[in-house]
C-alpha atoms as a PDB file:
ATOM      1  CA  MET A   1     -51.123  94.723  36.783  1.00  0.00           C
ATOM      2  CA  THR A   2     -53.413  97.361  35.347  1.00  0.00           C
ATOM      3  CA  LYS A   3     -56.795  98.282  36.654  1.00  0.00           C
ATOM      4  CA  ALA A   4     -59.823  97.594  34.499  1.00  0.00           C
ATOM      5  CA  ARG A   5     -61.450 100.711  33.145  1.00  0.00           C
ATOM      6  CA  LYS A   6     -64.608 101.416  35.068  1.00  0.00           C
ATOM      7  CA  ARG A   7     -67.681 102.152  32.984  1.00  0.00           C
ATOM      8  CA  LYS A   8     -69.553 105.326  33.795  1.00  0.00           C
ATOM      9  CA  SER A   9     -72.829 104.834  35.597  1.00  0.00           C
ATOM     10  CA  GLY A  10     -76.055 105.125  33.633  1.00  0.00           C
ATOM     11  CA  SER A  11     -77.235 103.705  30.356  1.00  0.00           C
ATOM     12  CA  LEU A  12     -75.467 104.224  27.057  1.00  0.00           C
ATOM     13  CA  ALA A  13     -78.270 106.598  26.005  1.00  0.00           C
ATOM     14  CA  GLU A  14     -77.695 108.727  29.122  1.00  0.00           C
ATOM     15  CA  GLN A  15     -73.964 108.816  28.401  1.00  0.00           C
ATOM     16  CA  ILE A  16     -74.571 109.924  24.807  1.00  0.00           C
ATOM     17  CA  LEU A  17     -76.963 112.656  25.970  1.00  0.00           C
ATOM     18  CA  ASP A  18     -74.291 114.093  28.252  1.00  0.00           C
ATOM     19  CA  PRO A  19     -73.532 117.617  26.892  1.00  0.00           C
ATOM     20  CA  ALA A  20     -69.772 117.029  26.836  1.00  0.00           C
ATOM     21  CA  THR A  21     -70.227 113.787  24.874  1.00  0.00           C
ATOM     22  CA  LEU A  22     -72.641 115.479  22.442  1.00  0.00           C
ATOM     23  CA  GLU A  23     -70.109 118.247  21.854  1.00  0.00           C
ATOM     24  CA  LYS A  24     -67.381 115.682  21.073  1.00  0.00           C
ATOM     25  CA  ILE A  25     -69.634 113.763  18.687  1.00  0.00           C
ATOM     26  CA  ALA A  26     -70.676 116.971  16.880  1.00  0.00           C
ATOM     27  CA  PHE A  27     -66.992 117.937  16.520  1.00  0.00           C
ATOM     28  CA  TRP A  28     -66.105 114.506  15.088  1.00  0.00           C
ATOM     29  CA  LEU A  29     -69.020 114.688  12.652  1.00  0.00           C
ATOM     30  CA  GLU A  30     -67.974 118.137  11.470  1.00  0.00           C
ATOM     31  CA  GLN A  31     -64.386 116.968  10.980  1.00  0.00           C
ATOM     32  CA  ALA A  32     -65.616 113.978   8.959  1.00  0.00           C
ATOM     33  CA  GLY A  33     -67.882 116.144   6.798  1.00  0.00           C
ATOM     34  CA  VAL A  34     -71.065 114.534   8.143  1.00  0.00           C
ATOM     35  CA  GLY A  35     -74.009 116.880   8.662  1.00  0.00           C
ATOM     36  CA  SER A  36     -75.993 114.836  11.185  1.00  0.00           C
ATOM     37  CA  ILE A  37     -76.638 111.397  12.638  1.00  0.00           C
ATOM     38  CA  GLU A  38     -79.564 109.797  14.402  1.00  0.00           C
ATOM     39  CA  ILE A  39     -79.144 107.383  17.292  1.00  0.00           C
ATOM     40  CA  GLU A  40     -82.009 105.217  18.508  1.00  0.00           C
ATOM     41  CA  ALA A  41     -81.807 104.259  22.163  1.00  0.00           C
ATOM     42  CA  GLY A  42     -82.996 100.881  23.419  1.00  0.00           C
ATOM     43  CA  ASP A  43     -86.094 102.488  24.916  1.00  0.00           C
ATOM     44  CA  GLY A  44     -87.155 103.895  21.530  1.00  0.00           C
ATOM     45  CA  ARG A  45     -85.893 107.449  22.033  1.00  0.00           C
ATOM     46  CA  LEU A  46     -84.343 109.006  18.968  1.00  0.00           C
ATOM     47  CA  VAL A  47     -81.432 111.448  19.283  1.00  0.00           C
ATOM     48  CA  ARG A  48     -80.392 113.580  16.298  1.00  0.00           C
ATOM     49  CA  ILE A  49     -76.950 115.190  16.482  1.00  0.00           C
ATOM     50  CA  VAL A  50     -76.284 117.982  13.986  1.00  0.00           C
ATOM     51  CA  ALA A  51     -72.771 119.267  13.289  1.00  0.00           C
ATOM     52  CA  GLY A  52     -71.581 122.544  11.833  1.00  0.00           C
ATOM     53  CA  GLU A  53     -72.516 126.199  12.103  1.00  0.00           C
ATOM     54  CA  ASP A  54     -76.240 125.533  11.700  1.00  0.00           C
ATOM     55  CA  ALA A  55     -76.261 123.129  14.660  1.00  0.00           C
ATOM     56  CA  THR A  56     -77.696 125.793  16.960  1.00  0.00           C
ATOM     57  CA  SER A  57     -80.682 126.396  14.685  1.00  0.00           C
ATOM     58  CA  PRO A  58     -83.862 124.516  15.634  1.00  0.00           C
ATOM     59  CA  ASP A  59     -84.303 123.635  11.945  1.00  0.00           C
ATOM     60  CA  ALA A  60     -80.703 122.457  11.460  1.00  0.00           C
ATOM     61  CA  GLY A  61     -80.437 119.885   8.708  1.00  0.00           C
ATOM     62  CA  VAL A  62     -84.022 120.474   7.572  1.00  0.00           C
ATOM     63  CA  GLY A  63     -85.305 122.545   4.685  1.00  0.00           C
ATOM     64  CA  PRO A  64     -83.811 123.861   1.491  1.00  0.00           C
ATOM     65  CA  ALA A  65     -80.254 124.004   2.842  1.00  0.00           C
ATOM     66  CA  ALA A  66     -80.170 120.218   3.164  1.00  0.00           C
ATOM     67  CA  SER A  67     -78.527 118.554   0.167  1.00  0.00           C
ATOM     68  CA  VAL A  68     -81.401 116.268  -0.764  1.00  0.00           C
ATOM     69  CA  PRO A  69     -82.243 115.910  -4.444  1.00  0.00           C
ATOM     70  CA  THR A  70     -85.670 117.286  -5.216  1.00  0.00           C
ATOM     71  CA  GLU A  71     -88.139 115.638  -7.536  1.00  0.00           C
ATOM     72  CA  PRO A  72     -90.903 117.285  -9.510  1.00  0.00           C
ATOM     73  CA  ALA A  73     -94.178 117.496  -7.560  1.00  0.00           C
ATOM     74  CA  THR A  74     -95.808 114.989  -9.927  1.00  0.00           C
ATOM     75  CA  VAL A  75     -93.310 112.223  -9.150  1.00  0.00           C
ATOM     76  CA  ARG A  76     -93.049 110.082  -6.013  1.00  0.00           C
ATOM     77  CA  PRO A  77     -89.699 108.690  -4.901  1.00  0.00           C
ATOM     78  CA  ALA A  78     -88.988 105.089  -3.922  1.00  0.00           C
ATOM     79  CA  LYS A  79     -86.276 105.417  -1.282  1.00  0.00           C
ATOM     80  CA  ALA A  80     -83.540 103.180   0.086  1.00  0.00           C
ATOM     81  CA  PRO A  81     -84.605 101.613   3.412  1.00  0.00           C
ATOM     82  CA  ILE A  82     -80.975 101.265   4.541  1.00  0.00           C
ATOM     83  CA  ALA A  83     -77.509 102.337   3.424  1.00  0.00           C
ATOM     84  CA  GLY A  84     -75.786  99.853   1.142  1.00  0.00           C
ATOM     85  CA  HIS A  85     -75.324  98.857  -2.498  1.00  0.00           C
ATOM     86  CA  PHE A  86     -78.249  99.069  -4.915  1.00  0.00           C
ATOM     87  CA  LEU A  87     -79.368  95.884  -6.675  1.00  0.00           C
ATOM     88  CA  PRO A  88     -82.008  96.064  -9.436  1.00  0.00           C
ATOM     89  CA  MET A  89     -82.839  92.396  -8.875  1.00  0.00           C
ATOM     90  CA  HIS A  90     -82.567  89.853  -6.084  1.00  0.00           C
ATOM     91  CA  PRO A  91     -79.369  87.758  -6.416  1.00  0.00           C
ATOM     92  CA  ALA A  92     -81.431  84.555  -6.389  1.00  0.00           C
ATOM     93  CA  ARG A  93     -83.598  85.655  -9.343  1.00  0.00           C
ATOM     94  CA  ASN A  94     -82.918  86.003 -13.055  1.00  0.00           C
ATOM     95  CA  ALA A  95     -84.965  89.143 -13.747  1.00  0.00           C
ATOM     96  CA  ALA A  96     -85.361  92.626 -12.308  1.00  0.00           C
ATOM     97  CA  GLU A  97     -88.303  93.182  -9.987  1.00  0.00           C
ATOM     98  CA  SER A  98     -89.692  95.910 -12.225  1.00  0.00           C
ATOM     99  CA  THR A  99     -88.722  97.714 -15.411  1.00  0.00           C
ATOM    100  CA  ILE A 100     -88.882 101.380 -16.368  1.00  0.00           C
ATOM    101  CA  GLY A 101     -92.350 102.130 -17.749  1.00  0.00           C
ATOM    102  CA  ALA A 102     -94.006  99.254 -15.861  1.00  0.00           C
ATOM    103  CA  SER A 103     -97.020  99.781 -13.618  1.00  0.00           C
ATOM    104  CA  VAL A 104     -96.382  99.378  -9.894  1.00  0.00           C
ATOM    105  CA  PHE A 105     -98.727  99.083  -6.948  1.00  0.00           C
ATOM    106  CA  PRO A 106     -98.284 100.241  -3.338  1.00  0.00           C
ATOM    107  CA  GLU A 107     -95.658  98.249  -1.422  1.00  0.00           C
ATOM    108  CA  GLN A 108     -94.486  96.460  -4.595  1.00  0.00           C
ATOM    109  CA  ILE A 109     -90.778  95.620  -4.495  1.00  0.00           C
ATOM    110  CA  VAL A 110     -88.940  97.547  -7.219  1.00  0.00           C
ATOM    111  CA  GLY A 111     -85.325  96.873  -6.216  1.00  0.00           C
ATOM    112  CA  PHE A 112     -83.030  96.000  -3.326  1.00  0.00           C
ATOM    113  CA  VAL A 113     -80.248  97.362  -1.146  1.00  0.00           C
ATOM    114  CA  ARG A 114     -77.510  94.976  -0.022  1.00  0.00           C
ATOM    115  CA  VAL A 115     -75.295  95.297   3.050  1.00  0.00           C
ATOM    116  CA  GLY A 116     -73.114  92.213   3.317  1.00  0.00           C
ATOM    117  CA  PRO A 117     -75.485  89.228   3.524  1.00  0.00           C
ATOM    118  CA  LEU A 118     -78.523  91.442   4.335  1.00  0.00           C
ATOM    119  CA  ILE A 119     -80.793  92.304   1.402  1.00  0.00           C
ATOM    120  CA  MET A 120     -83.571  94.842   2.003  1.00  0.00           C
ATOM    121  CA  PRO A 121     -86.359  95.556  -0.497  1.00  0.00           C
ATOM    122  CA  ILE A 122     -87.064  98.997  -1.950  1.00  0.00           C
ATOM    123  CA  CYS A 123     -90.836  99.378  -2.187  1.00  0.00           C
ATOM    124  CA  ALA A 124     -93.104 101.711  -4.133  1.00  0.00           C
ATOM    125  CA  GLU A 125     -95.040 103.991  -1.782  1.00  0.00           C
ATOM    126  CA  GLY A 126     -98.034 104.255  -4.088  1.00  0.00           C
ATOM    127  CA  ALA A 127     -99.515 103.062  -7.368  1.00  0.00           C
ATOM    128  CA  GLY A 128     -98.138 104.460 -10.592  1.00  0.00           C
ATOM    129  CA  THR A 129     -95.623 103.971 -13.388  1.00  0.00           C
ATOM    130  CA  LEU A 130     -91.920 103.384 -12.744  1.00  0.00           C
ATOM    131  CA  ASP A 131     -90.517 106.510 -14.384  1.00  0.00           C
ATOM    132  CA  ALA A 132     -86.750 106.336 -13.765  1.00  0.00           C
ATOM    133  CA  CYS A 133     -83.973 104.699 -11.778  1.00  0.00           C
ATOM    134  CA  ILE A 134     -81.492 107.381 -10.742  1.00  0.00           C
ATOM    135  CA  VAL A 135     -78.684 105.064  -9.588  1.00  0.00           C
ATOM    136  CA  GLU A 136     -76.714 102.296 -11.278  1.00  0.00           C
ATOM    137  CA  SER A 137     -76.505  98.673 -10.193  1.00  0.00           C
ATOM    138  CA  GLY A 138     -73.920  98.359  -7.416  1.00  0.00           C
ATOM    139  CA  ASP A 139     -73.938 102.082  -6.542  1.00  0.00           C
ATOM    140  CA  LEU A 140     -73.674 102.977  -2.871  1.00  0.00           C
ATOM    141  CA  VAL A 141     -76.908 104.547  -1.586  1.00  0.00           C
ATOM    142  CA  GLY A 142     -77.634 106.104   1.790  1.00  0.00           C
ATOM    143  CA  TYR A 143     -80.614 105.597   4.059  1.00  0.00           C
ATOM    144  CA  GLY A 144     -83.559 107.487   2.566  1.00  0.00           C
ATOM    145  CA  ASP A 145     -81.838 108.235  -0.754  1.00  0.00           C
ATOM    146  CA  THR A 146     -84.171 108.358  -3.745  1.00  0.00           C
ATOM    147  CA  VAL A 147     -83.506 105.351  -5.981  1.00  0.00           C
ATOM    148  CA  PHE A 148     -86.566 105.300  -8.267  1.00  0.00           C
ATOM    149  CA  LEU A 149     -89.018 107.938  -9.438  1.00  0.00           C
ATOM    150  CA  ILE A 150     -92.655 106.848  -9.774  1.00  0.00           C
ATOM    151  CA  GLU A 151     -95.272 108.766 -11.779  1.00  0.00           C
ATOM    152  CA  PRO A 152     -98.489 108.505  -9.695  1.00  0.00           C
ATOM    153  CA  ALA A 153    -101.478 106.693 -11.201  1.00  0.00           C
ATOM    154  CA  GLN A 154    -104.233 108.951 -12.516  1.00  0.00           C
END
């Protein structure tokens, strides 16, 4: 008969914040080629773990070194609210939510991201003209990735 493994005392968030655990997670991230992750604890605390040589920098993962595509200053991005597959239209509809060149208003749905049965809308942050879609239907997008470019209204 084997003994059941005893869980460490404290909440999961406290266990993750343990320096030894953080070091292991950072090592695993670096080995997997992942720059950083964010973990939200049940009490609302947010923990960001950054891997790699820049992990000791207070600005690690922020600024020009981060591999985030930049848009011209005159264009606003519409970003993916979750990681998943991009859909230009809802599966239950016959037409795309918006077309390139169409006017959009704040919070208008311009596309979707699908993760299994979950479908999340991609919304315009402000009024303007839908300038470009920089991904193809079915492409995998990450949380916060730019999907559409919107020319602000004048």
